[in-house]
Amino acid sequence: MDKTFDINSFDSDRLKSPATWNQCDAIGKKFAKTKDGMNWRLHKQIRACLYNEIKQGKLSFSVASDMIANKKALPVQYRRKISAYLDANQEA
């Protein structure tokens, strides 16, 4: 493979545009991977949380790309949103 992803190759309009579904999926997989394999439940929770952020206009292409390339853990703000959602929607 001669080509690698270069965030600088995108124009400023694309960087400001909403993140993509595939970025949400990649971020979910990145942060749900464990030494024993994939935690699919966590993957889906992360992906759903981020997709909701996209729909609300709060997650841009550049921020999602930064999470994929540079973050070692899911940012706290998203972990809190997932926890709050799970707490509010516990089955009895």
PDB file of N, CA and C in Angstrom:
ATOM      1  N   MET A   1       0.836  -1.181   0.000  1.00  0.00           N
ATOM      2  CA  MET A   1       0.000   0.000   0.000  1.00  0.00           C
ATOM      3  C   MET A   1       0.879   1.241   0.000  1.00  0.00           C
ATOM      4  N   ASP A   2       0.747   2.005  -1.032  1.00  0.00           N
ATOM      5  CA  ASP A   2       1.548   3.213  -1.138  1.00  0.00           C
ATOM      6  C   ASP A   2       0.885   4.413  -0.489  1.00  0.00           C
ATOM      7  N   LYS A   3      -0.435   4.396  -0.405  1.00  0.00           N
ATOM      8  CA  LYS A   3      -1.148   5.542   0.146  1.00  0.00           C
ATOM      9  C   LYS A   3      -1.510   5.297   1.602  1.00  0.00           C
ATOM     10  N   THR A   4      -1.352   6.325   2.391  1.00  0.00           N
ATOM     11  CA  THR A   4      -1.817   6.294   3.770  1.00  0.00           C
ATOM     12  C   THR A   4      -2.751   7.479   3.958  1.00  0.00           C
ATOM     13  N   PHE A   5      -3.558   7.410   5.000  1.00  0.00           N
ATOM     14  CA  PHE A   5      -4.514   8.487   5.264  1.00  0.00           C
ATOM     15  C   PHE A   5      -3.770   9.737   5.683  1.00  0.00           C
ATOM     16  N   ASP A   6      -4.093  10.842   5.049  1.00  0.00           N
ATOM     17  CA  ASP A   6      -3.487  12.133   5.392  1.00  0.00           C
ATOM     18  C   ASP A   6      -4.606  13.148   5.572  1.00  0.00           C
ATOM     19  N   ILE A   7      -4.856  13.540   6.811  1.00  0.00           N
ATOM     20  CA  ILE A   7      -5.934  14.481   7.120  1.00  0.00           C
ATOM     21  C   ILE A   7      -5.720  15.806   6.410  1.00  0.00           C
ATOM     22  N   ASN A   8      -4.484  16.166   6.123  1.00  0.00           N
ATOM     23  CA  ASN A   8      -4.185  17.440   5.468  1.00  0.00           C
ATOM     24  C   ASN A   8      -4.573  17.452   4.001  1.00  0.00           C
ATOM     25  N   SER A   9      -4.888  16.297   3.434  1.00  0.00           N
ATOM     26  CA  SER A   9      -5.272  16.240   2.026  1.00  0.00           C
ATOM     27  C   SER A   9      -6.734  16.631   1.813  1.00  0.00           C
ATOM     28  N   PHE A  10      -7.497  16.813   2.875  1.00  0.00           N
ATOM     29  CA  PHE A  10      -8.904  17.194   2.772  1.00  0.00           C
ATOM     30  C   PHE A  10      -9.041  18.706   2.848  1.00  0.00           C
ATOM     31  N   ASP A  11      -9.995  19.249   2.093  1.00  0.00           N
ATOM     32  CA  ASP A  11     -10.206  20.695   2.146  1.00  0.00           C
ATOM     33  C   ASP A  11     -10.923  21.076   3.444  1.00  0.00           C
ATOM     34  N   SER A  12     -10.916  22.352   3.747  1.00  0.00           N
ATOM     35  CA  SER A  12     -11.449  22.818   5.035  1.00  0.00           C
ATOM     36  C   SER A  12     -12.951  22.561   5.156  1.00  0.00           C
ATOM     37  N   ASP A  13     -13.673  22.606   4.047  1.00  0.00           N
ATOM     38  CA  ASP A  13     -15.108  22.319   4.107  1.00  0.00           C
ATOM     39  C   ASP A  13     -15.364  20.888   4.544  1.00  0.00           C
ATOM     40  N   ARG A  14     -14.566  19.961   4.051  1.00  0.00           N
ATOM     41  CA  ARG A  14     -14.736  18.550   4.426  1.00  0.00           C
ATOM     42  C   ARG A  14     -14.382  18.341   5.889  1.00  0.00           C
ATOM     43  N   LEU A  15     -13.347  18.996   6.355  1.00  0.00           N
ATOM     44  CA  LEU A  15     -12.934  18.843   7.749  1.00  0.00           C
ATOM     45  C   LEU A  15     -13.994  19.362   8.715  1.00  0.00           C
ATOM     46  N   LYS A  16     -14.731  20.386   8.297  1.00  0.00           N
ATOM     47  CA  LYS A  16     -15.778  20.959   9.144  1.00  0.00           C
ATOM     48  C   LYS A  16     -17.098  20.205   9.025  1.00  0.00           C
ATOM     49  N   SER A  17     -17.240  19.388   8.002  1.00  0.00           N
ATOM     50  CA  SER A  17     -18.492  18.662   7.782  1.00  0.00           C
ATOM     51  C   SER A  17     -18.649  17.562   8.834  1.00  0.00           C
ATOM     52  N   PRO A  18     -19.855  17.009   8.942  1.00  0.00           N
ATOM     53  CA  PRO A  18     -20.086  15.963   9.942  1.00  0.00           C
ATOM     54  C   PRO A  18     -19.207  14.729   9.713  1.00  0.00           C
ATOM     55  N   ALA A  19     -18.911  14.063  10.794  1.00  0.00           N
ATOM     56  CA  ALA A  19     -18.172  12.793  10.710  1.00  0.00           C
ATOM     57  C   ALA A  19     -19.029  11.783   9.944  1.00  0.00           C
ATOM     58  N   THR A  20     -18.422  10.703   9.534  1.00  0.00           N
ATOM     59  CA  THR A  20     -19.136   9.679   8.768  1.00  0.00           C
ATOM     60  C   THR A  20     -19.471   8.480   9.656  1.00  0.00           C
ATOM     61  N   TRP A  21     -20.413   7.675   9.163  1.00  0.00           N
ATOM     62  CA  TRP A  21     -20.771   6.437   9.851  1.00  0.00           C
ATOM     63  C   TRP A  21     -19.543   5.539   9.989  1.00  0.00           C
ATOM     64  N   ASN A  22     -18.736   5.461   8.945  1.00  0.00           N
ATOM     65  CA  ASN A  22     -17.545   4.611   8.989  1.00  0.00           C
ATOM     66  C   ASN A  22     -16.544   5.083  10.035  1.00  0.00           C
ATOM     67  N   GLN A  23     -16.462   6.387  10.247  1.00  0.00           N
ATOM     68  CA  GLN A  23     -15.591   6.889  11.310  1.00  0.00           C
ATOM     69  C   GLN A  23     -16.123   6.462  12.677  1.00  0.00           C
ATOM     70  N   CYS A  24     -17.436   6.562  12.866  1.00  0.00           N
ATOM     71  CA  CYS A  24     -18.039   6.114  14.135  1.00  0.00           C
ATOM     72  C   CYS A  24     -17.741   4.637  14.369  1.00  0.00           C
ATOM     73  N   ASP A  25     -17.868   3.856  13.319  1.00  0.00           N
ATOM     74  CA  ASP A  25     -17.618   2.422  13.422  1.00  0.00           C
ATOM     75  C   ASP A  25     -16.154   2.153  13.781  1.00  0.00           C
ATOM     76  N   ALA A  26     -15.244   2.851  13.119  1.00  0.00           N
ATOM     77  CA  ALA A  26     -13.812   2.671  13.389  1.00  0.00           C
ATOM     78  C   ALA A  26     -13.451   3.079  14.818  1.00  0.00           C
ATOM     79  N   ILE A  27     -14.025   4.170  15.293  1.00  0.00           N
ATOM     80  CA  ILE A  27     -13.759   4.624  16.665  1.00  0.00           C
ATOM     81  C   ILE A  27     -14.306   3.607  17.658  1.00  0.00           C
ATOM     82  N   GLY A  28     -15.504   3.111  17.391  1.00  0.00           N
ATOM     83  CA  GLY A  28     -16.088   2.085  18.254  1.00  0.00           C
ATOM     84  C   GLY A  28     -15.206   0.853  18.341  1.00  0.00           C
ATOM     85  N   LYS A  29     -14.712   0.409  17.204  1.00  0.00           N
ATOM     86  CA  LYS A  29     -13.838  -0.773  17.186  1.00  0.00           C
ATOM     87  C   LYS A  29     -12.517  -0.498  17.890  1.00  0.00           C
ATOM     88  N   LYS A  30     -11.975   0.689  17.684  1.00  0.00           N
ATOM     89  CA  LYS A  30     -10.697   1.021  18.305  1.00  0.00           C
ATOM     90  C   LYS A  30     -10.780   0.962  19.823  1.00  0.00           C
ATOM     91  N   PHE A  31     -11.843   1.546  20.393  1.00  0.00           N
ATOM     92  CA  PHE A  31     -11.922   1.656  21.839  1.00  0.00           C
ATOM     93  C   PHE A  31     -12.642   0.487  22.505  1.00  0.00           C
ATOM     94  N   ALA A  32     -13.216  -0.412  21.724  1.00  0.00           N
ATOM     95  CA  ALA A  32     -13.886  -1.582  22.299  1.00  0.00           C
ATOM     96  C   ALA A  32     -13.022  -2.839  22.202  1.00  0.00           C
ATOM     97  N   LYS A  33     -11.874  -2.711  21.592  1.00  0.00           N
ATOM     98  CA  LYS A  33     -10.985  -3.862  21.452  1.00  0.00           C
ATOM     99  C   LYS A  33     -10.297  -4.141  22.781  1.00  0.00           C
ATOM    100  N   THR A  34     -10.301  -5.402  23.188  1.00  0.00           N
ATOM    101  CA  THR A  34      -9.618  -5.824  24.403  1.00  0.00           C
ATOM    102  C   THR A  34      -8.563  -6.859  24.040  1.00  0.00           C
ATOM    103  N   LYS A  35      -7.772  -7.247  25.004  1.00  0.00           N
ATOM    104  CA  LYS A  35      -6.748  -8.261  24.720  1.00  0.00           C
ATOM    105  C   LYS A  35      -7.376  -9.612  24.385  1.00  0.00           C
ATOM    106  N   ASP A  36      -8.614  -9.813  24.820  1.00  0.00           N
ATOM    107  CA  ASP A  36      -9.309 -11.074  24.555  1.00  0.00           C
ATOM    108  C   ASP A  36     -10.179 -11.038  23.312  1.00  0.00           C
ATOM    109  N   GLY A  37     -10.234  -9.912  22.637  1.00  0.00           N
ATOM    110  CA  GLY A  37     -11.053  -9.788  21.438  1.00  0.00           C
ATOM    111  C   GLY A  37     -11.888  -8.521  21.490  1.00  0.00           C
ATOM    112  N   MET A  38     -12.931  -8.500  20.692  1.00  0.00           N
ATOM    113  CA  MET A  38     -13.780  -7.318  20.600  1.00  0.00           C
ATOM    114  C   MET A  38     -14.941  -7.398  21.582  1.00  0.00           C
ATOM    115  N   ASN A  39     -15.175  -6.307  22.309  1.00  0.00           N
ATOM    116  CA  ASN A  39     -16.350  -6.168  23.156  1.00  0.00           C
ATOM    117  C   ASN A  39     -17.428  -5.528  22.277  1.00  0.00           C
ATOM    118  N   TRP A  40     -18.235  -6.373  21.645  1.00  0.00           N
ATOM    119  CA  TRP A  40     -19.189  -5.888  20.648  1.00  0.00           C
ATOM    120  C   TRP A  40     -20.265  -4.996  21.252  1.00  0.00           C
ATOM    121  N   ARG A  41     -20.656  -5.255  22.472  1.00  0.00           N
ATOM    122  CA  ARG A  41     -21.660  -4.405  23.118  1.00  0.00           C
ATOM    123  C   ARG A  41     -21.122  -2.978  23.278  1.00  0.00           C
ATOM    124  N   LEU A  42     -19.899  -2.849  23.784  1.00  0.00           N
ATOM    125  CA  LEU A  42     -19.286  -1.536  23.940  1.00  0.00           C
ATOM    126  C   LEU A  42     -19.095  -0.869  22.579  1.00  0.00           C
ATOM    127  N   HIS A  43     -18.688  -1.628  21.596  1.00  0.00           N
ATOM    128  CA  HIS A  43     -18.525  -1.099  20.241  1.00  0.00           C
ATOM    129  C   HIS A  43     -19.818  -0.444  19.760  1.00  0.00           C
ATOM    130  N   LYS A  44     -20.917  -1.133  19.931  1.00  0.00           N
ATOM    131  CA  LYS A  44     -22.205  -0.597  19.475  1.00  0.00           C
ATOM    132  C   LYS A  44     -22.637   0.612  20.301  1.00  0.00           C
ATOM    133  N   GLN A  45     -22.332   0.610  21.579  1.00  0.00           N
ATOM    134  CA  GLN A  45     -22.672   1.755  22.430  1.00  0.00           C
ATOM    135  C   GLN A  45     -21.892   2.997  22.004  1.00  0.00           C
ATOM    136  N   ILE A  46     -20.608   2.824  21.759  1.00  0.00           N
ATOM    137  CA  ILE A  46     -19.772   3.939  21.318  1.00  0.00           C
ATOM    138  C   ILE A  46     -20.257   4.452  19.966  1.00  0.00           C
ATOM    139  N   ARG A  47     -20.476   3.541  19.039  1.00  0.00           N
ATOM    140  CA  ARG A  47     -20.913   3.910  17.695  1.00  0.00           C
ATOM    141  C   ARG A  47     -22.240   4.676  17.745  1.00  0.00           C
ATOM    142  N   ALA A  48     -23.182   4.200  18.546  1.00  0.00           N
ATOM    143  CA  ALA A  48     -24.483   4.869  18.660  1.00  0.00           C
ATOM    144  C   ALA A  48     -24.344   6.252  19.290  1.00  0.00           C
ATOM    145  N   CYS A  49     -23.526   6.359  20.312  1.00  0.00           N
ATOM    146  CA  CYS A  49     -23.305   7.650  20.968  1.00  0.00           C
ATOM    147  C   CYS A  49     -22.726   8.654  19.978  1.00  0.00           C
ATOM    148  N   LEU A  50     -21.718   8.240  19.231  1.00  0.00           N
ATOM    149  CA  LEU A  50     -21.079   9.145  18.278  1.00  0.00           C
ATOM    150  C   LEU A  50     -22.017   9.498  17.133  1.00  0.00           C
ATOM    151  N   TYR A  51     -22.813   8.538  16.678  1.00  0.00           N
ATOM    152  CA  TYR A  51     -23.756   8.823  15.605  1.00  0.00           C
ATOM    153  C   TYR A  51     -24.797   9.847  16.070  1.00  0.00           C
ATOM    154  N   ASN A  52     -25.212   9.736  17.313  1.00  0.00           N
ATOM    155  CA  ASN A  52     -26.131  10.724  17.867  1.00  0.00           C
ATOM    156  C   ASN A  52     -25.476  12.115  17.893  1.00  0.00           C
ATOM    157  N   GLU A  53     -24.206  12.170  18.201  1.00  0.00           N
ATOM    158  CA  GLU A  53     -23.480  13.439  18.180  1.00  0.00           C
ATOM    159  C   GLU A  53     -23.449  14.025  16.762  1.00  0.00           C
ATOM    160  N   ILE A  54     -23.293  13.173  15.769  1.00  0.00           N
ATOM    161  CA  ILE A  54     -23.312  13.633  14.379  1.00  0.00           C
ATOM    162  C   ILE A  54     -24.674  14.233  14.050  1.00  0.00           C
ATOM    163  N   LYS A  55     -25.727  13.528  14.418  1.00  0.00           N
ATOM    164  CA  LYS A  55     -27.077  14.002  14.110  1.00  0.00           C
ATOM    165  C   LYS A  55     -27.372  15.339  14.781  1.00  0.00           C
ATOM    166  N   GLN A  56     -26.756  15.595  15.918  1.00  0.00           N
ATOM    167  CA  GLN A  56     -26.933  16.866  16.622  1.00  0.00           C
ATOM    168  C   GLN A  56     -25.955  17.939  16.147  1.00  0.00           C
ATOM    169  N   GLY A  57     -25.091  17.581  15.202  1.00  0.00           N
ATOM    170  CA  GLY A  57     -24.120  18.535  14.669  1.00  0.00           C
ATOM    171  C   GLY A  57     -22.946  18.810  15.579  1.00  0.00           C
ATOM    172  N   LYS A  58     -22.620  17.858  16.450  1.00  0.00           N
ATOM    173  CA  LYS A  58     -21.571  18.074  17.447  1.00  0.00           C
ATOM    174  C   LYS A  58     -20.273  17.311  17.186  1.00  0.00           C
ATOM    175  N   LEU A  59     -20.234  16.506  16.119  1.00  0.00           N
ATOM    176  CA  LEU A  59     -19.022  15.733  15.848  1.00  0.00           C
ATOM    177  C   LEU A  59     -18.617  15.937  14.392  1.00  0.00           C
ATOM    178  N   SER A  60     -17.477  16.576  14.200  1.00  0.00           N
ATOM    179  CA  SER A  60     -17.009  16.876  12.846  1.00  0.00           C
ATOM    180  C   SER A  60     -16.059  15.787  12.343  1.00  0.00           C
ATOM    181  N   PHE A  61     -15.847  15.818  11.047  1.00  0.00           N
ATOM    182  CA  PHE A  61     -14.933  14.896  10.378  1.00  0.00           C
ATOM    183  C   PHE A  61     -13.540  14.980  10.988  1.00  0.00           C
ATOM    184  N   SER A  62     -13.063  16.209  11.238  1.00  0.00           N
ATOM    185  CA  SER A  62     -11.697  16.374  11.760  1.00  0.00           C
ATOM    186  C   SER A  62     -11.565  15.872  13.193  1.00  0.00           C
ATOM    187  N   VAL A  63     -12.581  16.089  14.031  1.00  0.00           N
ATOM    188  CA  VAL A  63     -12.529  15.608  15.412  1.00  0.00           C
ATOM    189  C   VAL A  63     -12.544  14.081  15.435  1.00  0.00           C
ATOM    190  N   ALA A  64     -13.386  13.482  14.603  1.00  0.00           N
ATOM    191  CA  ALA A  64     -13.443  12.019  14.533  1.00  0.00           C
ATOM    192  C   ALA A  64     -12.113  11.457  14.028  1.00  0.00           C
ATOM    193  N   SER A  65     -11.530  12.094  13.033  1.00  0.00           N
ATOM    194  CA  SER A  65     -10.237  11.644  12.512  1.00  0.00           C
ATOM    195  C   SER A  65      -9.154  11.722  13.576  1.00  0.00           C
ATOM    196  N   ASP A  66      -9.204  12.780  14.386  1.00  0.00           N
ATOM    197  CA  ASP A  66      -8.240  12.930  15.477  1.00  0.00           C
ATOM    198  C   ASP A  66      -8.404  11.808  16.503  1.00  0.00           C
ATOM    199  N   MET A  67      -9.653  11.444  16.809  1.00  0.00           N
ATOM    200  CA  MET A  67      -9.873  10.339  17.758  1.00  0.00           C
ATOM    201  C   MET A  67      -9.281   9.041  17.230  1.00  0.00           C
ATOM    202  N   ILE A  68      -9.448   8.806  15.941  1.00  0.00           N
ATOM    203  CA  ILE A  68      -8.926   7.575  15.348  1.00  0.00           C
ATOM    204  C   ILE A  68      -7.404   7.571  15.382  1.00  0.00           C
ATOM    205  N   ALA A  69      -6.800   8.688  15.029  1.00  0.00           N
ATOM    206  CA  ALA A  69      -5.353   8.735  14.875  1.00  0.00           C
ATOM    207  C   ALA A  69      -4.583   8.953  16.169  1.00  0.00           C
ATOM    208  N   ASN A  70      -5.134   9.730  17.099  1.00  0.00           N
ATOM    209  CA  ASN A  70      -4.307  10.187  18.213  1.00  0.00           C
ATOM    210  C   ASN A  70      -4.755   9.811  19.614  1.00  0.00           C
ATOM    211  N   LYS A  71      -5.996   9.503  19.807  1.00  0.00           N
ATOM    212  CA  LYS A  71      -6.481   9.249  21.166  1.00  0.00           C
ATOM    213  C   LYS A  71      -6.171   7.817  21.591  1.00  0.00           C
ATOM    214  N   LYS A  72      -5.786   7.681  22.840  1.00  0.00           N
ATOM    215  CA  LYS A  72      -5.487   6.358  23.402  1.00  0.00           C
ATOM    216  C   LYS A  72      -6.699   5.762  24.104  1.00  0.00           C
ATOM    217  N   ALA A  73      -7.655   6.618  24.488  1.00  0.00           N
ATOM    218  CA  ALA A  73      -8.875   6.164  25.160  1.00  0.00           C
ATOM    219  C   ALA A  73     -10.034   7.030  24.682  1.00  0.00           C
ATOM    220  N   LEU A  74     -11.223   6.489  24.789  1.00  0.00           N
ATOM    221  CA  LEU A  74     -12.413   7.242  24.428  1.00  0.00           C
ATOM    222  C   LEU A  74     -12.510   8.475  25.325  1.00  0.00           C
ATOM    223  N   PRO A  75     -12.698   9.658  24.743  1.00  0.00           N
ATOM    224  CA  PRO A  75     -12.792  10.866  25.568  1.00  0.00           C
ATOM    225  C   PRO A  75     -13.883  10.759  26.634  1.00  0.00           C
ATOM    226  N   VAL A  76     -13.615  11.374  27.765  1.00  0.00           N
ATOM    227  CA  VAL A  76     -14.484  11.285  28.939  1.00  0.00           C
ATOM    228  C   VAL A  76     -15.912  11.718  28.626  1.00  0.00           C
ATOM    229  N   GLN A  77     -16.070  12.757  27.830  1.00  0.00           N
ATOM    230  CA  GLN A  77     -17.413  13.254  27.539  1.00  0.00           C
ATOM    231  C   GLN A  77     -18.301  12.174  26.920  1.00  0.00           C
ATOM    232  N   TYR A  78     -17.737  11.320  26.093  1.00  0.00           N
ATOM    233  CA  TYR A  78     -18.521  10.256  25.462  1.00  0.00           C
ATOM    234  C   TYR A  78     -18.757   9.102  26.429  1.00  0.00           C
ATOM    235  N   ARG A  79     -17.769   8.798  27.240  1.00  0.00           N
ATOM    236  CA  ARG A  79     -17.972   7.756  28.258  1.00  0.00           C
ATOM    237  C   ARG A  79     -19.085   8.152  29.214  1.00  0.00           C
ATOM    238  N   ARG A  80     -19.133   9.416  29.592  1.00  0.00           N
ATOM    239  CA  ARG A  80     -20.196   9.895  30.488  1.00  0.00           C
ATOM    240  C   ARG A  80     -21.563   9.817  29.825  1.00  0.00           C
ATOM    241  N   LYS A  81     -21.644  10.175  28.566  1.00  0.00           N
ATOM    242  CA  LYS A  81     -22.923  10.107  27.857  1.00  0.00           C
ATOM    243  C   LYS A  81     -23.424   8.673  27.764  1.00  0.00           C
ATOM    244  N   ILE A  82     -22.532   7.750  27.498  1.00  0.00           N
ATOM    245  CA  ILE A  82     -22.920   6.339  27.421  1.00  0.00           C
ATOM    246  C   ILE A  82     -23.393   5.855  28.785  1.00  0.00           C
ATOM    247  N   SER A  83     -22.646   6.197  29.829  1.00  0.00           N
ATOM    248  CA  SER A  83     -23.032   5.790  31.186  1.00  0.00           C
ATOM    249  C   SER A  83     -24.379   6.379  31.581  1.00  0.00           C
ATOM    250  N   ALA A  84     -24.595   7.644  31.278  1.00  0.00           N
ATOM    251  CA  ALA A  84     -25.867   8.294  31.608  1.00  0.00           C
ATOM    252  C   ALA A  84     -27.020   7.638  30.871  1.00  0.00           C
ATOM    253  N   TYR A  85     -26.800   7.325  29.618  1.00  0.00           N
ATOM    254  CA  TYR A  85     -27.853   6.664  28.833  1.00  0.00           C
ATOM    255  C   TYR A  85     -28.186   5.297  29.425  1.00  0.00           C
ATOM    256  N   LEU A  86     -27.157   4.534  29.757  1.00  0.00           N
ATOM    257  CA  LEU A  86     -27.375   3.194  30.317  1.00  0.00           C
ATOM    258  C   LEU A  86     -28.086   3.269  31.666  1.00  0.00           C
ATOM    259  N   ASP A  87     -27.701   4.242  32.500  1.00  0.00           N
ATOM    260  CA  ASP A  87     -28.350   4.405  33.796  1.00  0.00           C
ATOM    261  C   ASP A  87     -29.814   4.774  33.642  1.00  0.00           C
ATOM    262  N   ALA A  88     -30.117   5.632  32.675  1.00  0.00           N
ATOM    263  CA  ALA A  88     -31.490   6.084  32.476  1.00  0.00           C
ATOM    264  C   ALA A  88     -32.372   5.020  31.817  1.00  0.00           C
ATOM    265  N   ASN A  89     -31.758   4.038  31.196  1.00  0.00           N
ATOM    266  CA  ASN A  89     -32.530   3.054  30.447  1.00  0.00           C
ATOM    267  C   ASN A  89     -32.316   1.625  30.946  1.00  0.00           C
ATOM    268  N   GLN A  90     -32.059   1.497  32.239  1.00  0.00           N
ATOM    269  CA  GLN A  90     -31.900   0.172  32.836  1.00  0.00           C
ATOM    270  C   GLN A  90     -33.216  -0.583  32.797  1.00  0.00           C
ATOM    271  N   GLU A  91     -33.124  -1.844  32.441  1.00  0.00           N
ATOM    272  CA  GLU A  91     -34.326  -2.682  32.506  1.00  0.00           C
ATOM    273  C   GLU A  91     -34.518  -3.152  33.932  1.00  0.00           C
ATOM    274  N   ALA A  92     -35.761  -3.173  34.370  1.00  0.00           N
ATOM    275  CA  ALA A  92     -36.065  -3.568  35.755  1.00  0.00           C
ATOM    276  C   ALA A  92     -35.930  -5.057  35.952  1.00  0.00           C
TER     277      ALA A  92
END
